[in-house]
């Protein structure tokens, strides 16, 4: 179980770096399932400590994904505003040139 979760975490990091959102979504589902299984079967303190460490790693990756998506959201918004301004300028120019 630990190897499987470690592999999923590694894949999650790679998907994050490559900004593969579909892969991130699939991995998220697999990780949730794996964690639920691990939580229900972990019985000793050592397994619980390992599981907490894995959860912290996963949380850190998710924070990076969220931060990155917010950054891109700002970039997209800026570009959309620029396009809107350019479109208005073009419309204004064409409106004036018709006279």
Protein backbone atom coordinates (compact mmCIF):
# COMPACT_ATOMS: atom_id res chain seq x y z
CA UNK A 1 0.00 0.00 0.00
CA UNK A 2 2.83 2.42 0.84
CA UNK A 3 4.53 1.88 -2.52
CA UNK A 4 1.29 2.48 -4.35
CA UNK A 5 0.68 5.75 -2.50
CA UNK A 6 4.29 6.82 -3.04
CA UNK A 7 3.89 6.15 -6.76
CA UNK A 8 0.65 8.14 -6.84
CA UNK A 9 2.32 11.06 -5.06
CA UNK A 10 5.18 10.98 -7.55
CA UNK A 11 2.71 10.91 -10.46
CA UNK A 12 0.81 13.78 -8.86
CA UNK A 13 3.99 15.85 -8.74
CA UNK A 14 4.72 15.13 -12.40
CA UNK A 15 1.16 15.98 -13.46
CA UNK A 16 1.40 19.21 -11.49
CA UNK A 17 4.68 20.18 -13.14
CA UNK A 18 3.29 19.44 -16.60
CA UNK A 19 -0.02 21.15 -15.77
CA UNK A 20 -1.95 18.10 -16.89
CA UNK A 21 -5.27 18.91 -15.22
CA UNK A 22 -7.07 15.79 -16.42
CA UNK A 23 -4.33 13.58 -15.01
CA UNK A 24 -4.43 15.54 -11.73
CA UNK A 25 -8.14 14.85 -11.46
CA UNK A 26 -7.70 11.12 -12.05
CA UNK A 27 -4.82 10.92 -9.59
CA UNK A 28 -6.83 12.81 -6.99
CA UNK A 29 -9.54 10.15 -7.15
CA UNK A 30 -6.98 7.34 -6.88
CA UNK A 31 -5.23 9.01 -3.95
CA UNK A 32 -8.50 9.52 -2.07
CA UNK A 33 -9.38 5.87 -2.54
CA UNK A 34 -5.91 4.76 -1.46
CA UNK A 35 -6.00 7.00 1.62
CA UNK A 36 -9.42 5.75 2.66
CA UNK A 37 -8.16 2.20 2.41
CA UNK A 38 -4.97 3.04 4.30
CA UNK A 39 -6.85 4.81 7.07
CA UNK A 40 -9.21 1.90 7.58
CA UNK A 41 -6.37 -0.64 7.72
CA UNK A 42 -3.62 1.27 9.55
CA UNK A 43 -3.43 -0.13 13.02
CA UNK A 44 -0.09 0.77 14.50
CA UNK A 45 1.44 4.13 15.35
CA UNK A 46 4.25 3.83 12.79
CA UNK A 47 1.75 3.42 9.94
CA UNK A 48 -0.22 6.41 11.19
CA UNK A 49 2.93 8.59 11.30
CA UNK A 50 3.82 7.53 7.74
CA UNK A 51 0.28 8.24 6.60
CA UNK A 52 0.38 11.73 8.16
CA UNK A 53 3.67 12.42 6.38
CA UNK A 54 2.14 11.35 3.07
CA UNK A 55 -0.89 13.54 3.71
CA UNK A 56 1.35 16.56 4.33
CA UNK A 57 3.18 15.90 1.06
CA UNK A 58 -0.08 15.64 -0.84
CA UNK A 59 -1.40 18.81 0.78
CA UNK A 60 1.75 20.70 -0.25
CA UNK A 61 1.31 19.58 -3.87
CA UNK A 62 -2.34 20.65 -3.84
CA UNK A 63 -1.32 24.06 -2.48
CA UNK A 64 1.12 24.44 -5.37
CA UNK A 65 -1.57 23.48 -7.88
CA UNK A 66 -3.98 26.02 -6.39
CA UNK A 67 -1.34 28.76 -6.33
CA UNK A 68 -0.38 28.00 -9.92
CA UNK A 69 -3.98 28.02 -11.09
CA UNK A 70 -4.58 31.40 -9.41
CA UNK A 71 -1.52 32.78 -11.18
CA UNK A 72 -2.82 31.57 -14.53
CA UNK A 73 -6.26 32.91 -13.74
CA UNK A 74 -4.76 36.37 -13.31
CA UNK A 75 -2.81 36.06 -16.57
CA UNK A 76 -5.93 34.94 -18.45
CA UNK A 77 -7.97 37.78 -16.96
CA UNK A 78 -5.32 40.32 -17.99
CA UNK A 79 -5.25 38.99 -21.54
CA UNK A 80 -9.05 39.03 -21.77
CA UNK A 81 -9.13 42.64 -20.60
CA UNK A 82 -6.50 43.53 -23.20
CA UNK A 83 -8.50 41.83 -25.94
CA UNK A 84 -11.65 43.66 -24.84
CA UNK A 85 -9.85 47.03 -24.93
CA UNK A 86 -8.39 46.26 -28.36
CA UNK A 87 -11.81 45.20 -29.65
CA UNK A 88 -13.40 48.40 -28.34
CA UNK A 89 -10.66 50.49 -29.95
CA UNK A 90 -11.14 48.71 -33.27
CA UNK A 91 -14.92 49.15 -33.08
CA UNK A 92 -14.48 52.82 -32.26
CA UNK A 93 -12.06 53.28 -35.15
CA UNK A 94 -14.39 51.59 -37.60
CA UNK A 95 -17.32 53.61 -36.27
CA UNK A 96 -15.47 56.89 -36.79
CA UNK A 97 -14.13 55.91 -40.22
CA UNK A 98 -17.63 55.34 -41.56
CA UNK A 99 -18.38 59.08 -41.41
